Amino acid sequence: MSKDRELQGRRRQAILEILAGDEKVTEQKELVEMLQARGFPATQSNISRDLKALGAVRTEGYYEIPSWNVEEEGPPFRKVISFVRAVRPCGPYQILLVTDPGAGRIVAQALNDSAWEDVVGTVDGDSSVLILTENMFFQRVVYSKLRHYLSDGDESRIIERR
């Protein structure tokens, strides 16, 4: 293993430890300073790449590593349900998921990792995910799956067809 990769791995482990701690990190600049205090040379661009690779999201104003990103049992999408605010069909082949701010990418990745046969692809935004299906039939199948996952008693997240 090269020294650069070894340093990157140790820096990422330090980031995980910092984000798991009691102090909330609201800016990448803070994280750079914390890492430098621990003896890690770091720049904002390093940190930005590291946070992306670690699957960090910024919710409620601070960075965190969602618990589903750590090895757990169960399908990846089930682990990000709490980030989904609303779901609604859009046109004959698409479904829109509205997420917490900053969680769009991680929800899209969890959907992709779940490998639903009926999903052709996803397009993520900061606080949304557009799910693409091949036709209206598959859109209904995916929408039904989403309703099942989101049926935790909060029906307000499910927006019916008009």
C-alpha atoms as a PDB file:
ATOM      1  CA  MET A   1       0.000   0.000   0.000  1.00  0.00           C
ATOM      2  CA  SER A   2       1.416   3.403  -0.930  1.00  0.00           C
ATOM      3  CA  LYS A   3       2.065   5.984   1.764  1.00  0.00           C
ATOM      4  CA  ASP A   4      -0.580   8.294   0.247  1.00  0.00           C
ATOM      5  CA  ARG A   5      -3.259   5.601   0.426  1.00  0.00           C
ATOM      6  CA  GLU A   6      -2.214   4.665   3.932  1.00  0.00           C
ATOM      7  CA  LEU A   7      -2.424   8.303   5.041  1.00  0.00           C
ATOM      8  CA  GLN A   8      -5.812   8.651   3.308  1.00  0.00           C
ATOM      9  CA  GLY A   9      -7.127   5.576   5.145  1.00  0.00           C
ATOM     10  CA  ARG A  10      -5.919   6.851   8.526  1.00  0.00           C
ATOM     11  CA  ARG A  11      -7.348  10.321   7.811  1.00  0.00           C
ATOM     12  CA  ARG A  12     -10.713   8.793   6.895  1.00  0.00           C
ATOM     13  CA  GLN A  13     -10.696   6.742  10.077  1.00  0.00           C
ATOM     14  CA  ALA A  14     -10.012   9.935  12.033  1.00  0.00           C
ATOM     15  CA  ILE A  15     -12.933  11.622  10.252  1.00  0.00           C
ATOM     16  CA  LEU A  16     -15.212   8.747  11.260  1.00  0.00           C
ATOM     17  CA  GLU A  17     -14.085   9.105  14.876  1.00  0.00           C
ATOM     18  CA  ILE A  18     -14.605  12.883  14.845  1.00  0.00           C
ATOM     19  CA  LEU A  19     -18.078  12.644  13.314  1.00  0.00           C
ATOM     20  CA  ALA A  20     -19.065   9.908  15.769  1.00  0.00           C
ATOM     21  CA  GLY A  21     -18.024  12.122  18.707  1.00  0.00           C
ATOM     22  CA  ASP A  22     -20.102  14.554  20.703  1.00  0.00           C
ATOM     23  CA  GLU A  23     -18.944  17.687  18.889  1.00  0.00           C
ATOM     24  CA  LYS A  24     -21.049  18.545  15.829  1.00  0.00           C
ATOM     25  CA  VAL A  25     -19.096  19.552  12.716  1.00  0.00           C
ATOM     26  CA  THR A  26     -20.957  22.144  10.658  1.00  0.00           C
ATOM     27  CA  GLU A  27     -18.274  23.103   8.118  1.00  0.00           C
ATOM     28  CA  GLN A  28     -15.495  21.319   6.287  1.00  0.00           C
ATOM     29  CA  LYS A  29     -13.103  24.032   7.498  1.00  0.00           C
ATOM     30  CA  GLU A  30     -13.741  22.881  11.085  1.00  0.00           C
ATOM     31  CA  LEU A  31     -12.947  19.319  10.115  1.00  0.00           C
ATOM     32  CA  VAL A  32      -9.685  20.424   8.452  1.00  0.00           C
ATOM     33  CA  GLU A  33      -8.667  22.185  11.683  1.00  0.00           C
ATOM     34  CA  MET A  34      -9.598  19.188  13.848  1.00  0.00           C
ATOM     35  CA  LEU A  35      -7.587  16.837  11.628  1.00  0.00           C
ATOM     36  CA  GLN A  36      -4.592  19.174  11.606  1.00  0.00           C
ATOM     37  CA  ALA A  37      -4.755  19.287  15.410  1.00  0.00           C
ATOM     38  CA  ARG A  38      -4.510  15.479  15.347  1.00  0.00           C
ATOM     39  CA  GLY A  39      -1.447  15.661  13.093  1.00  0.00           C
ATOM     40  CA  PHE A  40      -3.098  14.933   9.744  1.00  0.00           C
ATOM     41  CA  PRO A  41      -2.204  17.232   6.855  1.00  0.00           C
ATOM     42  CA  ALA A  42      -5.548  18.033   5.259  1.00  0.00           C
ATOM     43  CA  THR A  43      -7.083  20.487   2.833  1.00  0.00           C
ATOM     44  CA  GLN A  44     -10.710  21.322   2.188  1.00  0.00           C
ATOM     45  CA  SER A  45     -10.565  19.426  -1.135  1.00  0.00           C
ATOM     46  CA  ASN A  46      -9.170  16.305   0.633  1.00  0.00           C
ATOM     47  CA  ILE A  47     -11.954  16.507   3.193  1.00  0.00           C
ATOM     48  CA  SER A  48     -14.627  16.997   0.541  1.00  0.00           C
ATOM     49  CA  ARG A  49     -13.483  13.827  -1.269  1.00  0.00           C
ATOM     50  CA  ASP A  50     -13.178  11.904   1.999  1.00  0.00           C
ATOM     51  CA  LEU A  51     -16.680  12.870   3.135  1.00  0.00           C
ATOM     52  CA  LYS A  52     -18.102  11.774  -0.205  1.00  0.00           C
ATOM     53  CA  ALA A  53     -16.226   8.453  -0.097  1.00  0.00           C
ATOM     54  CA  LEU A  54     -17.393   7.825   3.470  1.00  0.00           C
ATOM     55  CA  GLY A  55     -21.020   8.519   2.553  1.00  0.00           C
ATOM     56  CA  ALA A  56     -21.317  11.476   4.906  1.00  0.00           C
ATOM     57  CA  VAL A  57     -24.394  13.658   4.662  1.00  0.00           C
ATOM     58  CA  ARG A  58     -25.086  17.088   6.044  1.00  0.00           C
ATOM     59  CA  THR A  59     -28.389  17.099   7.874  1.00  0.00           C
ATOM     60  CA  GLU A  60     -29.743  19.631  10.326  1.00  0.00           C
ATOM     61  CA  GLY A  61     -26.661  21.758   9.661  1.00  0.00           C
ATOM     62  CA  TYR A  62     -23.931  19.264  10.553  1.00  0.00           C
ATOM     63  CA  TYR A  63     -22.075  16.333   8.984  1.00  0.00           C
ATOM     64  CA  GLU A  64     -22.813  12.766   9.977  1.00  0.00           C
ATOM     65  CA  ILE A  65     -22.260   9.241   8.736  1.00  0.00           C
ATOM     66  CA  PRO A  66     -25.664   7.536   8.554  1.00  0.00           C
ATOM     67  CA  SER A  67     -25.789   4.362  10.590  1.00  0.00           C
ATOM     68  CA  TRP A  68     -26.818   2.333   7.526  1.00  0.00           C
ATOM     69  CA  ASN A  69     -23.454   3.100   5.956  1.00  0.00           C
ATOM     70  CA  VAL A  70     -21.805   0.903   8.569  1.00  0.00           C
ATOM     71  CA  GLU A  71     -22.189  -2.834   7.946  1.00  0.00           C
ATOM     72  CA  GLU A  72     -25.717  -3.809   8.965  1.00  0.00           C
ATOM     73  CA  GLU A  73     -28.269  -6.401   7.992  1.00  0.00           C
ATOM     74  CA  GLY A  74     -31.110  -5.647   5.622  1.00  0.00           C
ATOM     75  CA  PRO A  75     -31.608  -3.951   2.264  1.00  0.00           C
ATOM     76  CA  PRO A  76     -29.820  -0.596   1.883  1.00  0.00           C
ATOM     77  CA  PHE A  77     -33.009   1.331   1.059  1.00  0.00           C
ATOM     78  CA  ARG A  78     -34.654   0.298   4.326  1.00  0.00           C
ATOM     79  CA  LYS A  79     -31.793   2.003   6.151  1.00  0.00           C
ATOM     80  CA  VAL A  80     -32.394   5.427   4.554  1.00  0.00           C
ATOM     81  CA  ILE A  81     -36.182   5.595   4.873  1.00  0.00           C
ATOM     82  CA  SER A  82     -35.914   8.170   7.638  1.00  0.00           C
ATOM     83  CA  PHE A  83     -34.383  10.608   5.104  1.00  0.00           C
ATOM     84  CA  VAL A  84     -37.425  10.393   2.783  1.00  0.00           C
ATOM     85  CA  ARG A  85     -39.989  13.163   3.279  1.00  0.00           C
ATOM     86  CA  ALA A  86     -42.405  12.470   0.390  1.00  0.00           C
ATOM     87  CA  VAL A  87     -42.902  10.226  -2.612  1.00  0.00           C
ATOM     88  CA  ARG A  88     -45.050  10.887  -5.655  1.00  0.00           C
ATOM     89  CA  PRO A  89     -45.352   9.564  -9.191  1.00  0.00           C
ATOM     90  CA  CYS A  90     -44.338  11.953 -11.980  1.00  0.00           C
ATOM     91  CA  GLY A  91     -45.507  11.164 -15.493  1.00  0.00           C
ATOM     92  CA  PRO A  92     -45.770   7.594 -16.716  1.00  0.00           C
ATOM     93  CA  TYR A  93     -42.190   6.424 -15.975  1.00  0.00           C
ATOM     94  CA  GLN A  94     -40.851   8.398 -13.033  1.00  0.00           C
ATOM     95  CA  ILE A  95     -41.227   8.764  -9.282  1.00  0.00           C
ATOM     96  CA  LEU A  96     -39.975  11.674  -7.214  1.00  0.00           C
ATOM     97  CA  LEU A  97     -38.638  11.162  -3.705  1.00  0.00           C
ATOM     98  CA  VAL A  98     -38.252  14.322  -1.654  1.00  0.00           C
ATOM     99  CA  THR A  99     -35.545  13.891   0.976  1.00  0.00           C
ATOM    100  CA  ASP A 100     -34.025  15.810   3.843  1.00  0.00           C
ATOM    101  CA  PRO A 101     -31.645  18.515   2.598  1.00  0.00           C
ATOM    102  CA  GLY A 102     -28.319  16.949   1.661  1.00  0.00           C
ATOM    103  CA  ALA A 103     -29.625  13.368   1.652  1.00  0.00           C
ATOM    104  CA  GLY A 104     -30.575  12.980  -2.019  1.00  0.00           C
ATOM    105  CA  ARG A 105     -27.284  11.387  -3.048  1.00  0.00           C
ATOM    106  CA  ILE A 106     -27.245   8.891  -0.215  1.00  0.00           C
ATOM    107  CA  VAL A 107     -30.875   7.838  -0.784  1.00  0.00           C
ATOM    108  CA  ALA A 108     -30.187   7.385  -4.512  1.00  0.00           C
ATOM    109  CA  GLN A 109     -27.102   5.303  -3.714  1.00  0.00           C
ATOM    110  CA  ALA A 110     -29.097   3.129  -1.332  1.00  0.00           C
ATOM    111  CA  LEU A 111     -31.726   2.585  -4.039  1.00  0.00           C
ATOM    112  CA  ASN A 112     -29.023   1.681  -6.542  1.00  0.00           C
ATOM    113  CA  ASP A 113     -27.370  -0.665  -4.030  1.00  0.00           C
ATOM    114  CA  SER A 114     -30.748  -2.332  -3.414  1.00  0.00           C
ATOM    115  CA  ALA A 115     -30.733  -3.335  -7.115  1.00  0.00           C
ATOM    116  CA  TRP A 116     -34.481  -3.252  -7.690  1.00  0.00           C
ATOM    117  CA  GLU A 117     -35.071  -4.894 -11.086  1.00  0.00           C
ATOM    118  CA  ASP A 118     -37.840  -2.434 -11.933  1.00  0.00           C
ATOM    119  CA  VAL A 119     -35.596   0.637 -11.557  1.00  0.00           C
ATOM    120  CA  VAL A 120     -33.711   1.677 -14.686  1.00  0.00           C
ATOM    121  CA  GLY A 121     -31.766   4.390 -12.860  1.00  0.00           C
ATOM    122  CA  THR A 122     -31.831   7.290 -10.463  1.00  0.00           C
ATOM    123  CA  VAL A 123     -30.955  10.959 -10.693  1.00  0.00           C
ATOM    124  CA  ASP A 124     -30.086  12.571  -7.396  1.00  0.00           C
ATOM    125  CA  GLY A 125     -30.240  16.149  -6.288  1.00  0.00           C
ATOM    126  CA  ASP A 126     -29.459  17.752  -2.960  1.00  0.00           C
ATOM    127  CA  SER A 127     -32.901  17.034  -1.518  1.00  0.00           C
ATOM    128  CA  SER A 128     -34.563  14.787  -4.069  1.00  0.00           C
ATOM    129  CA  VAL A 129     -34.219  11.605  -6.085  1.00  0.00           C
ATOM    130  CA  LEU A 130     -35.847  10.989  -9.435  1.00  0.00           C
ATOM    131  CA  ILE A 131     -36.438   7.274  -9.975  1.00  0.00           C
ATOM    132  CA  LEU A 132     -36.628   6.168 -13.607  1.00  0.00           C
ATOM    133  CA  THR A 133     -38.563   3.106 -14.722  1.00  0.00           C
ATOM    134  CA  GLU A 134     -38.974   1.494 -18.130  1.00  0.00           C
ATOM    135  CA  ASN A 135     -42.750   1.871 -18.361  1.00  0.00           C
ATOM    136  CA  MET A 136     -45.914   2.662 -16.420  1.00  0.00           C
ATOM    137  CA  PHE A 137     -46.291  -0.897 -15.140  1.00  0.00           C
ATOM    138  CA  PHE A 138     -42.850  -0.847 -13.516  1.00  0.00           C
ATOM    139  CA  GLN A 139     -43.509   2.638 -12.163  1.00  0.00           C
ATOM    140  CA  ARG A 140     -46.555   1.238 -10.333  1.00  0.00           C
ATOM    141  CA  VAL A 141     -44.520  -1.710  -9.019  1.00  0.00           C
ATOM    142  CA  VAL A 142     -41.781   0.581  -7.652  1.00  0.00           C
ATOM    143  CA  TYR A 143     -44.363   2.998  -6.247  1.00  0.00           C
ATOM    144  CA  SER A 144     -46.020   0.072  -4.432  1.00  0.00           C
ATOM    145  CA  LYS A 145     -42.646  -0.997  -2.987  1.00  0.00           C
ATOM    146  CA  LEU A 146     -42.008   2.545  -1.808  1.00  0.00           C
ATOM    147  CA  ARG A 147     -45.465   2.741  -0.210  1.00  0.00           C
ATOM    148  CA  HIS A 148     -44.720  -0.527   1.588  1.00  0.00           C
ATOM    149  CA  TYR A 149     -41.396   0.759   2.932  1.00  0.00           C
ATOM    150  CA  LEU A 150     -42.912   4.089   3.941  1.00  0.00           C
ATOM    151  CA  SER A 151     -46.071   2.682   5.524  1.00  0.00           C
ATOM    152  CA  ASP A 152     -44.859   3.218   9.067  1.00  0.00           C
ATOM    153  CA  GLY A 153     -48.065   4.969   9.996  1.00  0.00           C
ATOM    154  CA  ASP A 154     -47.082   8.301   8.426  1.00  0.00           C
ATOM    155  CA  GLU A 155     -49.230   8.322   5.313  1.00  0.00           C
ATOM    156  CA  SER A 156     -48.498  12.050   4.818  1.00  0.00           C
ATOM    157  CA  ARG A 157     -45.256  11.091   3.028  1.00  0.00           C
ATOM    158  CA  ILE A 158     -47.183   9.310   0.271  1.00  0.00           C
ATOM    159  CA  ILE A 159     -48.659  11.543  -2.404  1.00  0.00           C
ATOM    160  CA  GLU A 160     -51.219   9.814  -4.623  1.00  0.00           C
ATOM    161  CA  ARG A 161     -51.641  10.227  -8.352  1.00  0.00           C
ATOM    162  CA  ARG A 162     -53.821  13.089  -9.419  1.00  0.00           C
END
